[in-house]
Amino acid sequence: AQLDPSGQRTMMHLIEELHRDPDL
């Protein structure tokens, strides 16, 4: 919500990486 465009992409890439963890 409060991130600049680059920060939004970084955040979403990180969340996508976390999504790949089958235990999370």
mmCIF file of all heavy atoms, coordinates in Angstrom:
data_MODEL
# 
_entry.id   MODEL 
# 
loop_
_atom_site.group_PDB 
_atom_site.id 
_atom_site.type_symbol 
_atom_site.label_atom_id 
_atom_site.label_alt_id 
_atom_site.label_comp_id 
_atom_site.label_asym_id 
_atom_site.label_entity_id 
_atom_site.label_seq_id 
_atom_site.pdbx_PDB_ins_code 
_atom_site.Cartn_x 
_atom_site.Cartn_y 
_atom_site.Cartn_z 
_atom_site.occupancy 
_atom_site.B_iso_or_equiv 
_atom_site.pdbx_formal_charge 
_atom_site.auth_seq_id 
_atom_site.auth_comp_id 
_atom_site.auth_asym_id 
_atom_site.auth_atom_id 
_atom_site.pdbx_PDB_model_num 
ATOM 1   N N   . ALA A 1 1  ? 0.806  -1.225  0.000   1.00 0.00 ? 1  ALA A N   1 
ATOM 2   C CA  . ALA A 1 1  ? 0.000  0.000   0.000   1.00 0.00 ? 1  ALA A CA  1 
ATOM 3   C C   . ALA A 1 1  ? 0.840  1.277   0.000   1.00 0.00 ? 1  ALA A C   1 
ATOM 4   O O   . ALA A 1 1  ? 0.489  2.261   -0.636  1.00 0.00 ? 1  ALA A O   1 
ATOM 5   C CB  . ALA A 1 1  ? -0.953 0.006   1.192   1.00 0.00 ? 1  ALA A CB  1 
ATOM 6   N N   . GLN A 1 2  ? 1.961  1.290   0.713   1.00 0.00 ? 2  GLN A N   1 
ATOM 7   C CA  . GLN A 1 2  ? 2.740  2.521   0.838   1.00 0.00 ? 2  GLN A CA  1 
ATOM 8   C C   . GLN A 1 2  ? 4.076  2.463   0.095   1.00 0.00 ? 2  GLN A C   1 
ATOM 9   O O   . GLN A 1 2  ? 4.946  3.308   0.315   1.00 0.00 ? 2  GLN A O   1 
ATOM 10  C CB  . GLN A 1 2  ? 2.986  2.824   2.321   1.00 0.00 ? 2  GLN A CB  1 
ATOM 11  C CG  . GLN A 1 2  ? 1.697  3.019   3.107   1.00 0.00 ? 2  GLN A CG  1 
ATOM 12  C CD  . GLN A 1 2  ? 1.959  3.428   4.541   1.00 0.00 ? 2  GLN A CD  1 
ATOM 13  O OE1 . GLN A 1 2  ? 2.575  4.452   4.794   1.00 0.00 ? 2  GLN A OE1 1 
ATOM 14  N NE2 . GLN A 1 2  ? 1.481  2.649   5.475   1.00 0.00 ? 2  GLN A NE2 1 
ATOM 15  N N   . LEU A 1 3  ? 4.214  1.492   -0.799  1.00 0.00 ? 3  LEU A N   1 
ATOM 16  C CA  . LEU A 1 3  ? 5.492  1.292   -1.476  1.00 0.00 ? 3  LEU A CA  1 
ATOM 17  C C   . LEU A 1 3  ? 5.529  1.987   -2.832  1.00 0.00 ? 3  LEU A C   1 
ATOM 18  O O   . LEU A 1 3  ? 4.512  2.093   -3.524  1.00 0.00 ? 3  LEU A O   1 
ATOM 19  C CB  . LEU A 1 3  ? 5.767  -0.193  -1.661  1.00 0.00 ? 3  LEU A CB  1 
ATOM 20  C CG  . LEU A 1 3  ? 5.876  -1.037  -0.389  1.00 0.00 ? 3  LEU A CG  1 
ATOM 21  C CD1 . LEU A 1 3  ? 6.152  -2.483  -0.743  1.00 0.00 ? 3  LEU A CD1 1 
ATOM 22  C CD2 . LEU A 1 3  ? 6.953  -0.493  0.534   1.00 0.00 ? 3  LEU A CD2 1 
ATOM 23  N N   . ASP A 1 4  ? 6.733  2.433   -3.222  1.00 0.00 ? 4  ASP A N   1 
ATOM 24  C CA  . ASP A 1 4  ? 6.921  2.985   -4.559  1.00 0.00 ? 4  ASP A CA  1 
ATOM 25  C C   . ASP A 1 4  ? 6.822  1.836   -5.571  1.00 0.00 ? 4  ASP A C   1 
ATOM 26  O O   . ASP A 1 4  ? 6.806  0.656   -5.199  1.00 0.00 ? 4  ASP A O   1 
ATOM 27  C CB  . ASP A 1 4  ? 8.260  3.715   -4.666  1.00 0.00 ? 4  ASP A CB  1 
ATOM 28  C CG  . ASP A 1 4  ? 9.449  2.847   -4.302  1.00 0.00 ? 4  ASP A CG  1 
ATOM 29  O OD1 . ASP A 1 4  ? 9.459  1.664   -4.670  1.00 0.00 ? 4  ASP A OD1 1 
ATOM 30  O OD2 . ASP A 1 4  ? 10.383 3.353   -3.641  1.00 0.00 ? 4  ASP A OD2 1 
ATOM 31  N N   . PRO A 1 5  ? 6.722  2.163   -6.883  1.00 0.00 ? 5  PRO A N   1 
ATOM 32  C CA  . PRO A 1 5  ? 6.542  1.094   -7.883  1.00 0.00 ? 5  PRO A CA  1 
ATOM 33  C C   . PRO A 1 5  ? 7.599  0.002   -7.816  1.00 0.00 ? 5  PRO A C   1 
ATOM 34  O O   . PRO A 1 5  ? 7.287  -1.186  -7.940  1.00 0.00 ? 5  PRO A O   1 
ATOM 35  C CB  . PRO A 1 5  ? 6.599  1.854   -9.211  1.00 0.00 ? 5  PRO A CB  1 
ATOM 36  C CG  . PRO A 1 5  ? 6.067  3.209   -8.880  1.00 0.00 ? 5  PRO A CG  1 
ATOM 37  C CD  . PRO A 1 5  ? 6.598  3.497   -7.500  1.00 0.00 ? 5  PRO A CD  1 
ATOM 38  N N   . SER A 1 6  ? 8.863  0.374   -7.617  1.00 0.00 ? 6  SER A N   1 
ATOM 39  C CA  . SER A 1 6  ? 9.913  -0.632  -7.509  1.00 0.00 ? 6  SER A CA  1 
ATOM 40  C C   . SER A 1 6  ? 9.729  -1.471  -6.251  1.00 0.00 ? 6  SER A C   1 
ATOM 41  O O   . SER A 1 6  ? 9.895  -2.693  -6.274  1.00 0.00 ? 6  SER A O   1 
ATOM 42  C CB  . SER A 1 6  ? 11.291 0.037   -7.494  1.00 0.00 ? 6  SER A CB  1 
ATOM 43  O OG  . SER A 1 6  ? 12.318 -0.909  -7.306  1.00 0.00 ? 6  SER A OG  1 
ATOM 44  N N   . GLY A 1 7  ? 9.368  -0.806  -5.156  1.00 0.00 ? 7  GLY A N   1 
ATOM 45  C CA  . GLY A 1 7  ? 9.129  -1.528  -3.918  1.00 0.00 ? 7  GLY A CA  1 
ATOM 46  C C   . GLY A 1 7  ? 7.967  -2.495  -4.023  1.00 0.00 ? 7  GLY A C   1 
ATOM 47  O O   . GLY A 1 7  ? 7.989  -3.586  -3.446  1.00 0.00 ? 7  GLY A O   1 
ATOM 48  N N   . GLN A 1 8  ? 6.939  -2.110  -4.779  1.00 0.00 ? 8  GLN A N   1 
ATOM 49  C CA  . GLN A 1 8  ? 5.808  -3.002  -4.978  1.00 0.00 ? 8  GLN A CA  1 
ATOM 50  C C   . GLN A 1 8  ? 6.247  -4.276  -5.694  1.00 0.00 ? 8  GLN A C   1 
ATOM 51  O O   . GLN A 1 8  ? 5.841  -5.384  -5.333  1.00 0.00 ? 8  GLN A O   1 
ATOM 52  C CB  . GLN A 1 8  ? 4.727  -2.286  -5.785  1.00 0.00 ? 8  GLN A CB  1 
ATOM 53  C CG  . GLN A 1 8  ? 4.040  -1.163  -5.026  1.00 0.00 ? 8  GLN A CG  1 
ATOM 54  C CD  . GLN A 1 8  ? 3.063  -0.389  -5.884  1.00 0.00 ? 8  GLN A CD  1 
ATOM 55  O OE1 . GLN A 1 8  ? 2.762  -0.777  -7.015  1.00 0.00 ? 8  GLN A OE1 1 
ATOM 56  N NE2 . GLN A 1 8  ? 2.566  0.716   -5.370  1.00 0.00 ? 8  GLN A NE2 1 
ATOM 57  N N   . ARG A 1 9  ? 7.076  -4.111  -6.722  1.00 0.00 ? 9  ARG A N   1 
ATOM 58  C CA  . ARG A 1 9  ? 7.558  -5.284  -7.461  1.00 0.00 ? 9  ARG A CA  1 
ATOM 59  C C   . ARG A 1 9  ? 8.439  -6.162  -6.580  1.00 0.00 ? 9  ARG A C   1 
ATOM 60  O O   . ARG A 1 9  ? 8.324  -7.393  -6.585  1.00 0.00 ? 9  ARG A O   1 
ATOM 61  C CB  . ARG A 1 9  ? 8.322  -4.836  -8.708  1.00 0.00 ? 9  ARG A CB  1 
ATOM 62  C CG  . ARG A 1 9  ? 7.438  -4.244  -9.793  1.00 0.00 ? 9  ARG A CG  1 
ATOM 63  C CD  . ARG A 1 9  ? 8.176  -4.147  -11.104 1.00 0.00 ? 9  ARG A CD  1 
ATOM 64  N NE  . ARG A 1 9  ? 7.314  -3.635  -12.156 1.00 0.00 ? 9  ARG A NE  1 
ATOM 65  C CZ  . ARG A 1 9  ? 7.654  -3.577  -13.436 1.00 0.00 ? 9  ARG A CZ  1 
ATOM 66  N NH1 . ARG A 1 9  ? 8.852  -3.994  -13.820 1.00 0.00 ? 9  ARG A NH1 1 
ATOM 67  N NH2 . ARG A 1 9  ? 6.821  -3.109  -14.349 1.00 0.00 ? 9  ARG A NH2 1 
ATOM 68  N N   . THR A 1 10 ? 9.330  -5.512  -5.818  1.00 0.00 ? 10 THR A N   1 
ATOM 69  C CA  . THR A 1 10 ? 10.201 -6.275  -4.922  1.00 0.00 ? 10 THR A CA  1 
ATOM 70  C C   . THR A 1 10 ? 9.376  -7.062  -3.911  1.00 0.00 ? 10 THR A C   1 
ATOM 71  O O   . THR A 1 10 ? 9.637  -8.247  -3.654  1.00 0.00 ? 10 THR A O   1 
ATOM 72  C CB  . THR A 1 10 ? 11.165 -5.332  -4.184  1.00 0.00 ? 10 THR A CB  1 
ATOM 73  O OG1 . THR A 1 10 ? 11.995 -4.659  -5.139  1.00 0.00 ? 10 THR A OG1 1 
ATOM 74  C CG2 . THR A 1 10 ? 12.033 -6.091  -3.200  1.00 0.00 ? 10 THR A CG2 1 
ATOM 75  N N   . MET A 1 11 ? 8.356  -6.392  -3.345  1.00 0.00 ? 11 MET A N   1 
ATOM 76  C CA  . MET A 1 11 ? 7.507  -7.045  -2.352  1.00 0.00 ? 11 MET A CA  1 
ATOM 77  C C   . MET A 1 11 ? 6.774  -8.232  -2.959  1.00 0.00 ? 11 MET A C   1 
ATOM 78  O O   . MET A 1 11 ? 6.728  -9.329  -2.373  1.00 0.00 ? 11 MET A O   1 
ATOM 79  C CB  . MET A 1 11 ? 6.501  -6.039  -1.788  1.00 0.00 ? 11 MET A CB  1 
ATOM 80  C CG  . MET A 1 11 ? 5.557  -6.610  -0.747  1.00 0.00 ? 11 MET A CG  1 
ATOM 81  S SD  . MET A 1 11 ? 6.365  -6.977  0.825   1.00 0.00 ? 11 MET A SD  1 
ATOM 82  C CE  . MET A 1 11 ? 6.471  -5.323  1.525   1.00 0.00 ? 11 MET A CE  1 
ATOM 83  N N   . MET A 1 12 ? 6.220  -8.042  -4.154  1.00 0.00 ? 12 MET A N   1 
ATOM 84  C CA  . MET A 1 12 ? 5.467  -9.133  -4.774  1.00 0.00 ? 12 MET A CA  1 
ATOM 85  C C   . MET A 1 12 ? 6.373  -10.290 -5.182  1.00 0.00 ? 12 MET A C   1 
ATOM 86  O O   . MET A 1 12 ? 5.990  -11.458 -5.084  1.00 0.00 ? 12 MET A O   1 
ATOM 87  C CB  . MET A 1 12 ? 4.681  -8.620  -5.976  1.00 0.00 ? 12 MET A CB  1 
ATOM 88  C CG  . MET A 1 12 ? 3.389  -7.930  -5.586  1.00 0.00 ? 12 MET A CG  1 
ATOM 89  S SD  . MET A 1 12 ? 2.323  -9.024  -4.602  1.00 0.00 ? 12 MET A SD  1 
ATOM 90  C CE  . MET A 1 12 ? 1.083  -7.869  -4.036  1.00 0.00 ? 12 MET A CE  1 
ATOM 91  N N   . HIS A 1 13 ? 7.579  -9.985  -5.635  1.00 0.00 ? 13 HIS A N   1 
ATOM 92  C CA  . HIS A 1 13 ? 8.527  -11.057 -5.958  1.00 0.00 ? 13 HIS A CA  1 
ATOM 93  C C   . HIS A 1 13 ? 8.878  -11.852 -4.696  1.00 0.00 ? 13 HIS A C   1 
ATOM 94  O O   . HIS A 1 13 ? 9.010  -13.087 -4.737  1.00 0.00 ? 13 HIS A O   1 
ATOM 95  C CB  . HIS A 1 13 ? 9.789  -10.480 -6.590  1.00 0.00 ? 13 HIS A CB  1 
ATOM 96  C CG  . HIS A 1 13 ? 9.571  -9.971  -7.982  1.00 0.00 ? 13 HIS A CG  1 
ATOM 97  N ND1 . HIS A 1 13 ? 10.393 -9.047  -8.581  1.00 0.00 ? 13 HIS A ND1 1 
ATOM 98  C CD2 . HIS A 1 13 ? 8.620  -10.258 -8.895  1.00 0.00 ? 13 HIS A CD2 1 
ATOM 99  C CE1 . HIS A 1 13 ? 9.951  -8.802  -9.796  1.00 0.00 ? 13 HIS A CE1 1 
ATOM 100 N NE2 . HIS A 1 13 ? 8.876  -9.515  -10.009 1.00 0.00 ? 13 HIS A NE2 1 
ATOM 101 N N   . LEU A 1 14 ? 9.030  -11.140 -3.578  1.00 0.00 ? 14 LEU A N   1 
ATOM 102 C CA  . LEU A 1 14 ? 9.340  -11.809 -2.321  1.00 0.00 ? 14 LEU A CA  1 
ATOM 103 C C   . LEU A 1 14 ? 8.169  -12.681 -1.866  1.00 0.00 ? 14 LEU A C   1 
ATOM 104 O O   . LEU A 1 14 ? 8.359  -13.828 -1.439  1.00 0.00 ? 14 LEU A O   1 
ATOM 105 C CB  . LEU A 1 14 ? 9.669  -10.768 -1.249  1.00 0.00 ? 14 LEU A CB  1 
ATOM 106 C CG  . LEU A 1 14 ? 9.902  -11.280 0.171   1.00 0.00 ? 14 LEU A CG  1 
ATOM 107 C CD1 . LEU A 1 14 ? 10.996 -12.337 0.197   1.00 0.00 ? 14 LEU A CD1 1 
ATOM 108 C CD2 . LEU A 1 14 ? 10.255 -10.130 1.102   1.00 0.00 ? 14 LEU A CD2 1 
ATOM 109 N N   . ILE A 1 15 ? 6.947  -12.142 -1.985  1.00 0.00 ? 15 ILE A N   1 
ATOM 110 C CA  . ILE A 1 15 ? 5.776  -12.926 -1.587  1.00 0.00 ? 15 ILE A CA  1 
ATOM 111 C C   . ILE A 1 15 ? 5.628  -14.158 -2.473  1.00 0.00 ? 15 ILE A C   1 
ATOM 112 O O   . ILE A 1 15 ? 5.285  -15.250 -2.001  1.00 0.00 ? 15 ILE A O   1 
ATOM 113 C CB  . ILE A 1 15 ? 4.506  -12.046 -1.629  1.00 0.00 ? 15 ILE A CB  1 
ATOM 114 C CG1 . ILE A 1 15 ? 4.606  -10.936 -0.579  1.00 0.00 ? 15 ILE A CG1 1 
ATOM 115 C CG2 . ILE A 1 15 ? 3.262  -12.891 -1.370  1.00 0.00 ? 15 ILE A CG2 1 
ATOM 116 C CD1 . ILE A 1 15 ? 3.501  -9.901  -0.675  1.00 0.00 ? 15 ILE A CD1 1 
ATOM 117 N N   . GLU A 1 16 ? 5.915  -13.982 -3.775  1.00 0.00 ? 16 GLU A N   1 
ATOM 118 C CA  . GLU A 1 16 ? 5.851  -15.133 -4.683  1.00 0.00 ? 16 GLU A CA  1 
ATOM 119 C C   . GLU A 1 16 ? 6.893  -16.188 -4.298  1.00 0.00 ? 16 GLU A C   1 
ATOM 120 O O   . GLU A 1 16 ? 6.635  -17.387 -4.355  1.00 0.00 ? 16 GLU A O   1 
ATOM 121 C CB  . GLU A 1 16 ? 6.054  -14.692 -6.129  1.00 0.00 ? 16 GLU A CB  1 
ATOM 122 C CG  . GLU A 1 16 ? 5.878  -15.812 -7.126  1.00 0.00 ? 16 GLU A CG  1 
ATOM 123 C CD  . GLU A 1 16 ? 5.869  -15.337 -8.564  1.00 0.00 ? 16 GLU A CD  1 
ATOM 124 O OE1 . GLU A 1 16 ? 6.173  -14.141 -8.798  1.00 0.00 ? 16 GLU A OE1 1 
ATOM 125 O OE2 . GLU A 1 16 ? 5.556  -16.150 -9.450  1.00 0.00 ? 16 GLU A OE2 1 
ATOM 126 N N   . GLU A 1 17 ? 8.071  -15.718 -3.879  1.00 0.00 ? 17 GLU A N   1 
ATOM 127 C CA  . GLU A 1 17 ? 9.110  -16.644 -3.412  1.00 0.00 ? 17 GLU A CA  1 
ATOM 128 C C   . GLU A 1 17 ? 8.637  -17.386 -2.164  1.00 0.00 ? 17 GLU A C   1 
ATOM 129 O O   . GLU A 1 17 ? 8.818  -18.601 -2.030  1.00 0.00 ? 17 GLU A O   1 
ATOM 130 C CB  . GLU A 1 17 ? 10.383 -15.851 -3.112  1.00 0.00 ? 17 GLU A CB  1 
ATOM 131 C CG  . GLU A 1 17 ? 11.507 -16.659 -2.498  1.00 0.00 ? 17 GLU A CG  1 
ATOM 132 C CD  . GLU A 1 17 ? 12.640 -15.772 -2.013  1.00 0.00 ? 17 GLU A CD  1 
ATOM 133 O OE1 . GLU A 1 17 ? 12.979 -14.795 -2.712  1.00 0.00 ? 17 GLU A OE1 1 
ATOM 134 O OE2 . GLU A 1 17 ? 13.184 -16.035 -0.923  1.00 0.00 ? 17 GLU A OE2 1 
ATOM 135 N N   . LEU A 1 18 ? 7.995  -16.662 -1.239  1.00 0.00 ? 18 LEU A N   1 
ATOM 136 C CA  . LEU A 1 18 ? 7.476  -17.294 -0.031  1.00 0.00 ? 18 LEU A CA  1 
ATOM 137 C C   . LEU A 1 18 ? 6.365  -18.282 -0.380  1.00 0.00 ? 18 LEU A C   1 
ATOM 138 O O   . LEU A 1 18 ? 6.228  -19.338 0.263   1.00 0.00 ? 18 LEU A O   1 
ATOM 139 C CB  . LEU A 1 18 ? 6.943  -16.225 0.926   1.00 0.00 ? 18 LEU A CB  1 
ATOM 140 C CG  . LEU A 1 18 ? 7.981  -15.257 1.506   1.00 0.00 ? 18 LEU A CG  1 
ATOM 141 C CD1 . LEU A 1 18 ? 7.292  -14.097 2.212   1.00 0.00 ? 18 LEU A CD1 1 
ATOM 142 C CD2 . LEU A 1 18 ? 8.909  -15.983 2.468   1.00 0.00 ? 18 LEU A CD2 1 
ATOM 143 N N   . HIS A 1 19 ? 5.570  -17.966 -1.386  1.00 0.00 ? 19 HIS A N   1 
ATOM 144 C CA  . HIS A 1 19 ? 4.480  -18.830 -1.826  1.00 0.00 ? 19 HIS A CA  1 
ATOM 145 C C   . HIS A 1 19 ? 4.990  -20.212 -2.239  1.00 0.00 ? 19 HIS A C   1 
ATOM 146 O O   . HIS A 1 19 ? 4.282  -21.217 -2.096  1.00 0.00 ? 19 HIS A O   1 
ATOM 147 C CB  . HIS A 1 19 ? 3.754  -18.141 -2.996  1.00 0.00 ? 19 HIS A CB  1 
ATOM 148 C CG  . HIS A 1 19 ? 3.063  -19.063 -3.933  1.00 0.00 ? 19 HIS A CG  1 
ATOM 149 N ND1 . HIS A 1 19 ? 1.851  -19.656 -3.653  1.00 0.00 ? 19 HIS A ND1 1 
ATOM 150 C CD2 . HIS A 1 19 ? 3.418  -19.497 -5.173  1.00 0.00 ? 19 HIS A CD2 1 
ATOM 151 C CE1 . HIS A 1 19 ? 1.491  -20.408 -4.675  1.00 0.00 ? 19 HIS A CE1 1 
ATOM 152 N NE2 . HIS A 1 19 ? 2.415  -20.334 -5.610  1.00 0.00 ? 19 HIS A NE2 1 
ATOM 153 N N   . ARG A 1 20 ? 6.227  -20.267 -2.725  1.00 0.00 ? 20 ARG A N   1 
ATOM 154 C CA  . ARG A 1 20 ? 6.772  -21.548 -3.193  1.00 0.00 ? 20 ARG A CA  1 
ATOM 155 C C   . ARG A 1 20 ? 7.165  -22.477 -2.051  1.00 0.00 ? 20 ARG A C   1 
ATOM 156 O O   . ARG A 1 20 ? 7.450  -23.648 -2.276  1.00 0.00 ? 20 ARG A O   1 
ATOM 157 C CB  . ARG A 1 20 ? 7.993  -21.281 -4.083  1.00 0.00 ? 20 ARG A CB  1 
ATOM 158 C CG  . ARG A 1 20 ? 7.671  -20.496 -5.354  1.00 0.00 ? 20 ARG A CG  1 
ATOM 159 C CD  . ARG A 1 20 ? 8.845  -20.522 -6.324  1.00 0.00 ? 20 ARG A CD  1 
ATOM 160 N NE  . ARG A 1 20 ? 8.615  -19.647 -7.453  1.00 0.00 ? 20 ARG A NE  1 
ATOM 161 C CZ  . ARG A 1 20 ? 9.162  -18.437 -7.587  1.00 0.00 ? 20 ARG A CZ  1 
ATOM 162 N NH1 . ARG A 1 20 ? 9.980  -17.992 -6.654  1.00 0.00 ? 20 ARG A NH1 1 
ATOM 163 N NH2 . ARG A 1 20 ? 8.904  -17.693 -8.635  1.00 0.00 ? 20 ARG A NH2 1 
ATOM 164 N N   . ASP A 1 21 ? 7.195  -21.956 -0.827  1.00 0.00 ? 21 ASP A N   1 
ATOM 165 C CA  . ASP A 1 21 ? 7.516  -22.790 0.339   1.00 0.00 ? 21 ASP A CA  1 
ATOM 166 C C   . ASP A 1 21 ? 6.284  -23.621 0.693   1.00 0.00 ? 21 ASP A C   1 
ATOM 167 O O   . ASP A 1 21 ? 5.267  -23.075 1.130   1.00 0.00 ? 21 ASP A O   1 
ATOM 168 C CB  . ASP A 1 21 ? 7.913  -21.892 1.512   1.00 0.00 ? 21 ASP A CB  1 
ATOM 169 C CG  . ASP A 1 21 ? 8.328  -22.689 2.746   1.00 0.00 ? 21 ASP A CG  1 
ATOM 170 O OD1 . ASP A 1 21 ? 8.091  -23.920 2.793   1.00 0.00 ? 21 ASP A OD1 1 
ATOM 171 O OD2 . ASP A 1 21 ? 8.880  -22.075 3.677   1.00 0.00 ? 21 ASP A OD2 1 
ATOM 172 N N   . PRO A 1 22 ? 6.339  -24.939 0.513   1.00 0.00 ? 22 PRO A N   1 
ATOM 173 C CA  . PRO A 1 22 ? 5.141  -25.769 0.737   1.00 0.00 ? 22 PRO A CA  1 
ATOM 174 C C   . PRO A 1 22 ? 4.704  -25.826 2.194   1.00 0.00 ? 22 PRO A C   1 
ATOM 175 O O   . PRO A 1 22 ? 3.569  -26.239 2.478   1.00 0.00 ? 22 PRO A O   1 
ATOM 176 C CB  . PRO A 1 22 ? 5.568  -27.155 0.236   1.00 0.00 ? 22 PRO A CB  1 
ATOM 177 C CG  . PRO A 1 22 ? 7.069  -27.161 0.375   1.00 0.00 ? 22 PRO A CG  1 
ATOM 178 C CD  . PRO A 1 22 ? 7.505  -25.753 0.097   1.00 0.00 ? 22 PRO A CD  1 
ATOM 179 N N   . ASP A 1 23 ? 5.578  -25.412 3.101   1.00 0.00 ? 23 ASP A N   1 
ATOM 180 C CA  . ASP A 1 23 ? 5.230  -25.471 4.529   1.00 0.00 ? 23 ASP A CA  1 
ATOM 181 C C   . ASP A 1 23 ? 4.704  -24.139 5.062   1.00 0.00 ? 23 ASP A C   1 
ATOM 182 O O   . ASP A 1 23 ? 4.310  -24.057 6.231   1.00 0.00 ? 23 ASP A O   1 
ATOM 183 C CB  . ASP A 1 23 ? 6.451  -25.889 5.343   1.00 0.00 ? 23 ASP A CB  1 
ATOM 184 C CG  . ASP A 1 23 ? 6.899  -27.310 5.022   1.00 0.00 ? 23 ASP A CG  1 
ATOM 185 O OD1 . ASP A 1 23 ? 6.015  -28.162 4.810   1.00 0.00 ? 23 ASP A OD1 1 
ATOM 186 O OD2 . ASP A 1 23 ? 8.122  -27.547 4.963   1.00 0.00 ? 23 ASP A OD2 1 
ATOM 187 N N   . LEU A 1 24 ? 4.715  -23.092 4.231   1.00 0.00 ? 24 LEU A N   1 
ATOM 188 C CA  . LEU A 1 24 ? 4.275  -21.771 4.679   1.00 0.00 ? 24 LEU A CA  1 
ATOM 189 C C   . LEU A 1 24 ? 2.876  -21.485 4.153   1.00 0.00 ? 24 LEU A C   1 
ATOM 190 O O   . LEU A 1 24 ? 2.620  -21.561 2.949   1.00 0.00 ? 24 LEU A O   1 
ATOM 191 C CB  . LEU A 1 24 ? 5.250  -20.693 4.192   1.00 0.00 ? 24 LEU A CB  1 
ATOM 192 C CG  . LEU A 1 24 ? 4.885  -19.241 4.550   1.00 0.00 ? 24 LEU A CG  1 
ATOM 193 C CD1 . LEU A 1 24 ? 4.905  -19.044 6.065   1.00 0.00 ? 24 LEU A CD1 1 
ATOM 194 C CD2 . LEU A 1 24 ? 5.827  -18.258 3.866   1.00 0.00 ? 24 LEU A CD2 1 
# 
